[in-house]
Amino acid sequence: MDKTVESFAGSEYFRLKEVASGVFAAICVPDSGSLGNASIVDLGDTTLVVDTTINLQAAKDLRAAAEGLTAVRPLMFLTPIGIPTIRMAIRCSLPRLVLFRPPKLERS
């Protein structure tokens, strides 16, 4: 991979860190409006983006980072299900979107 984390222009919502070859963590910046960390994984024939930021601009920045860091297309976004998420996906023109419902946590 000839692209590096340093080649990404950056985001006010997260900082990228390569944690393994082709695996990047997008660590959210506190108080930025990004609600969770995310990740970018180069799977060889596709790039998986796990987006839990729940923020439109953070999602756009994450897509830009994924496109810049991996030469692999198409991108596949995995994101929690919900109306704001679906609206965000439409606005970002995400190529492939996979929605998941997080498991309910049991209260003790």
C-alpha atoms as a PDB file:
ATOM      1  CA  MET A   1       0.000   0.000   0.000  1.00  0.00           C
ATOM      2  CA  ASP A   2       1.537   3.265  -1.091  1.00  0.00           C
ATOM      3  CA  LYS A   3      -1.018   5.460   0.653  1.00  0.00           C
ATOM      4  CA  THR A   4      -0.412   6.349   4.287  1.00  0.00           C
ATOM      5  CA  VAL A   5      -2.360   7.870   7.132  1.00  0.00           C
ATOM      6  CA  GLU A   6      -0.257  11.004   6.694  1.00  0.00           C
ATOM      7  CA  SER A   7      -1.581  11.415   3.135  1.00  0.00           C
ATOM      8  CA  PHE A   8      -5.144  11.904   4.436  1.00  0.00           C
ATOM      9  CA  ALA A   9      -5.959  15.606   4.790  1.00  0.00           C
ATOM     10  CA  GLY A  10      -7.628  14.940   8.123  1.00  0.00           C
ATOM     11  CA  SER A  11     -10.921  15.400   9.863  1.00  0.00           C
ATOM     12  CA  GLU A  12     -12.035  17.446  12.815  1.00  0.00           C
ATOM     13  CA  TYR A  13     -14.087  14.400  13.876  1.00  0.00           C
ATOM     14  CA  PHE A  14     -11.476  11.637  14.060  1.00  0.00           C
ATOM     15  CA  ARG A  15      -7.764  10.804  13.914  1.00  0.00           C
ATOM     16  CA  LEU A  16      -6.574   7.866  11.842  1.00  0.00           C
ATOM     17  CA  LYS A  17      -4.180   5.240  13.107  1.00  0.00           C
ATOM     18  CA  GLU A  18      -2.992   2.212  11.136  1.00  0.00           C
ATOM     19  CA  VAL A  19      -3.280  -0.696  13.569  1.00  0.00           C
ATOM     20  CA  ALA A  20      -2.280  -3.455  11.120  1.00  0.00           C
ATOM     21  CA  SER A  21      -1.530  -3.681   7.429  1.00  0.00           C
ATOM     22  CA  GLY A  22      -4.652  -2.372   5.671  1.00  0.00           C
ATOM     23  CA  VAL A  23      -6.563  -1.873   8.937  1.00  0.00           C
ATOM     24  CA  PHE A  24      -7.181   1.665  10.156  1.00  0.00           C
ATOM     25  CA  ALA A  25      -8.851   2.933  13.324  1.00  0.00           C
ATOM     26  CA  ALA A  26     -10.652   6.273  13.150  1.00  0.00           C
ATOM     27  CA  ILE A  27     -10.554   7.426  16.768  1.00  0.00           C
ATOM     28  CA  CYS A  28     -13.175  10.075  17.438  1.00  0.00           C
ATOM     29  CA  VAL A  29     -12.111  13.465  18.736  1.00  0.00           C
ATOM     30  CA  PRO A  30     -13.884  14.225  22.040  1.00  0.00           C
ATOM     31  CA  ASP A  31     -16.580  16.919  21.855  1.00  0.00           C
ATOM     32  CA  SER A  32     -16.430  17.013  18.046  1.00  0.00           C
ATOM     33  CA  GLY A  33     -19.948  15.728  17.414  1.00  0.00           C
ATOM     34  CA  SER A  34     -18.709  12.288  16.432  1.00  0.00           C
ATOM     35  CA  LEU A  35     -20.321   9.725  18.718  1.00  0.00           C
ATOM     36  CA  GLY A  36     -18.091   6.702  18.216  1.00  0.00           C
ATOM     37  CA  ASN A  37     -14.918   5.293  16.754  1.00  0.00           C
ATOM     38  CA  ALA A  38     -14.890   3.815  13.264  1.00  0.00           C
ATOM     39  CA  SER A  39     -12.639   1.621  11.149  1.00  0.00           C
ATOM     40  CA  ILE A  40     -11.469   1.053   7.585  1.00  0.00           C
ATOM     41  CA  VAL A  41     -10.422  -2.441   6.499  1.00  0.00           C
ATOM     42  CA  ASP A  42      -8.923  -3.341   3.121  1.00  0.00           C
ATOM     43  CA  LEU A  43     -10.354  -6.814   2.396  1.00  0.00           C
ATOM     44  CA  GLY A  44      -8.632  -7.207  -0.965  1.00  0.00           C
ATOM     45  CA  ASP A  45     -11.597  -7.036  -3.333  1.00  0.00           C
ATOM     46  CA  THR A  46     -13.579  -4.483  -1.311  1.00  0.00           C
ATOM     47  CA  THR A  47     -13.015  -1.993   1.467  1.00  0.00           C
ATOM     48  CA  LEU A  48     -15.111  -2.341   4.606  1.00  0.00           C
ATOM     49  CA  VAL A  49     -15.910   0.842   6.496  1.00  0.00           C
ATOM     50  CA  VAL A  50     -17.482   0.405   9.935  1.00  0.00           C
ATOM     51  CA  ASP A  51     -19.036   3.757  10.760  1.00  0.00           C
ATOM     52  CA  THR A  52     -20.481   4.453  14.198  1.00  0.00           C
ATOM     53  CA  THR A  53     -19.860   8.199  14.161  1.00  0.00           C
ATOM     54  CA  ILE A  54     -23.536   9.072  13.477  1.00  0.00           C
ATOM     55  CA  ASN A  55     -22.452  12.388  11.957  1.00  0.00           C
ATOM     56  CA  LEU A  56     -22.900  13.389   8.310  1.00  0.00           C
ATOM     57  CA  GLN A  57     -19.618  15.251   7.860  1.00  0.00           C
ATOM     58  CA  ALA A  58     -17.688  12.591   9.788  1.00  0.00           C
ATOM     59  CA  ALA A  59     -19.165   9.947   7.449  1.00  0.00           C
ATOM     60  CA  LYS A  60     -18.094  11.978   4.402  1.00  0.00           C
ATOM     61  CA  ASP A  61     -14.611  12.375   5.875  1.00  0.00           C
ATOM     62  CA  LEU A  62     -14.470   8.649   6.630  1.00  0.00           C
ATOM     63  CA  ARG A  63     -15.429   7.820   3.042  1.00  0.00           C
ATOM     64  CA  ALA A  64     -12.757  10.219   1.734  1.00  0.00           C
ATOM     65  CA  ALA A  65     -10.178   8.580   4.013  1.00  0.00           C
ATOM     66  CA  ALA A  66     -11.165   5.089   2.848  1.00  0.00           C
ATOM     67  CA  GLU A  67     -10.987   6.085  -0.809  1.00  0.00           C
ATOM     68  CA  GLY A  68      -7.620   7.732  -0.267  1.00  0.00           C
ATOM     69  CA  LEU A  69      -6.048   4.986   1.842  1.00  0.00           C
ATOM     70  CA  THR A  70      -7.098   1.975  -0.211  1.00  0.00           C
ATOM     71  CA  ALA A  71      -7.016   1.490  -3.937  1.00  0.00           C
ATOM     72  CA  VAL A  72      -9.871  -0.979  -3.565  1.00  0.00           C
ATOM     73  CA  ARG A  73     -13.401  -0.354  -4.662  1.00  0.00           C
ATOM     74  CA  PRO A  74     -16.248  -0.774  -4.029  1.00  0.00           C
ATOM     75  CA  LEU A  75     -16.579   0.527  -0.528  1.00  0.00           C
ATOM     76  CA  MET A  76     -18.983  -1.245   1.800  1.00  0.00           C
ATOM     77  CA  PHE A  77     -20.290   0.744   4.766  1.00  0.00           C
ATOM     78  CA  LEU A  78     -21.444  -1.093   7.886  1.00  0.00           C
ATOM     79  CA  THR A  79     -23.397   1.220  10.148  1.00  0.00           C
ATOM     80  CA  PRO A  80     -26.016   1.006  12.922  1.00  0.00           C
ATOM     81  CA  ILE A  81     -29.626   1.044  11.748  1.00  0.00           C
ATOM     82  CA  GLY A  82     -31.808   4.087  12.272  1.00  0.00           C
ATOM     83  CA  ILE A  83     -33.518   6.904  10.393  1.00  0.00           C
ATOM     84  CA  PRO A  84     -30.628   9.399  10.857  1.00  0.00           C
ATOM     85  CA  THR A  85     -28.239   6.746   9.518  1.00  0.00           C
ATOM     86  CA  ILE A  86     -30.354   6.133   6.418  1.00  0.00           C
ATOM     87  CA  ARG A  87     -30.632   9.873   5.717  1.00  0.00           C
ATOM     88  CA  MET A  88     -26.870  10.202   6.202  1.00  0.00           C
ATOM     89  CA  ALA A  89     -26.226   7.350   3.776  1.00  0.00           C
ATOM     90  CA  ILE A  90     -28.410   8.958   1.118  1.00  0.00           C
ATOM     91  CA  ARG A  91     -26.683  12.315   1.515  1.00  0.00           C
ATOM     92  CA  CYS A  92     -23.232  10.693   1.328  1.00  0.00           C
ATOM     93  CA  SER A  93     -24.196   8.626  -1.757  1.00  0.00           C
ATOM     94  CA  LEU A  94     -22.731   5.526  -0.169  1.00  0.00           C
ATOM     95  CA  PRO A  95     -22.143   2.785  -2.745  1.00  0.00           C
ATOM     96  CA  ARG A  96     -23.036  -0.224  -0.583  1.00  0.00           C
ATOM     97  CA  LEU A  97     -24.649   0.175   2.790  1.00  0.00           C
ATOM     98  CA  VAL A  98     -25.150  -2.638   5.298  1.00  0.00           C
ATOM     99  CA  LEU A  99     -27.264  -1.756   8.313  1.00  0.00           C
ATOM    100  CA  PHE A 100     -27.002  -3.627  11.581  1.00  0.00           C
ATOM    101  CA  ARG A 101     -28.986  -3.480  14.778  1.00  0.00           C
ATOM    102  CA  PRO A 102     -26.735  -3.461  17.829  1.00  0.00           C
ATOM    103  CA  PRO A 103     -27.676  -6.064  20.439  1.00  0.00           C
ATOM    104  CA  LYS A 104     -29.717  -4.902  23.404  1.00  0.00           C
ATOM    105  CA  LEU A 105     -27.740  -4.751  26.591  1.00  0.00           C
ATOM    106  CA  GLU A 106     -29.176  -6.496  29.601  1.00  0.00           C
ATOM    107  CA  ARG A 107     -29.507  -4.369  32.676  1.00  0.00           C
ATOM    108  CA  SER A 108     -28.364  -5.837  35.937  1.00  0.00           C
END
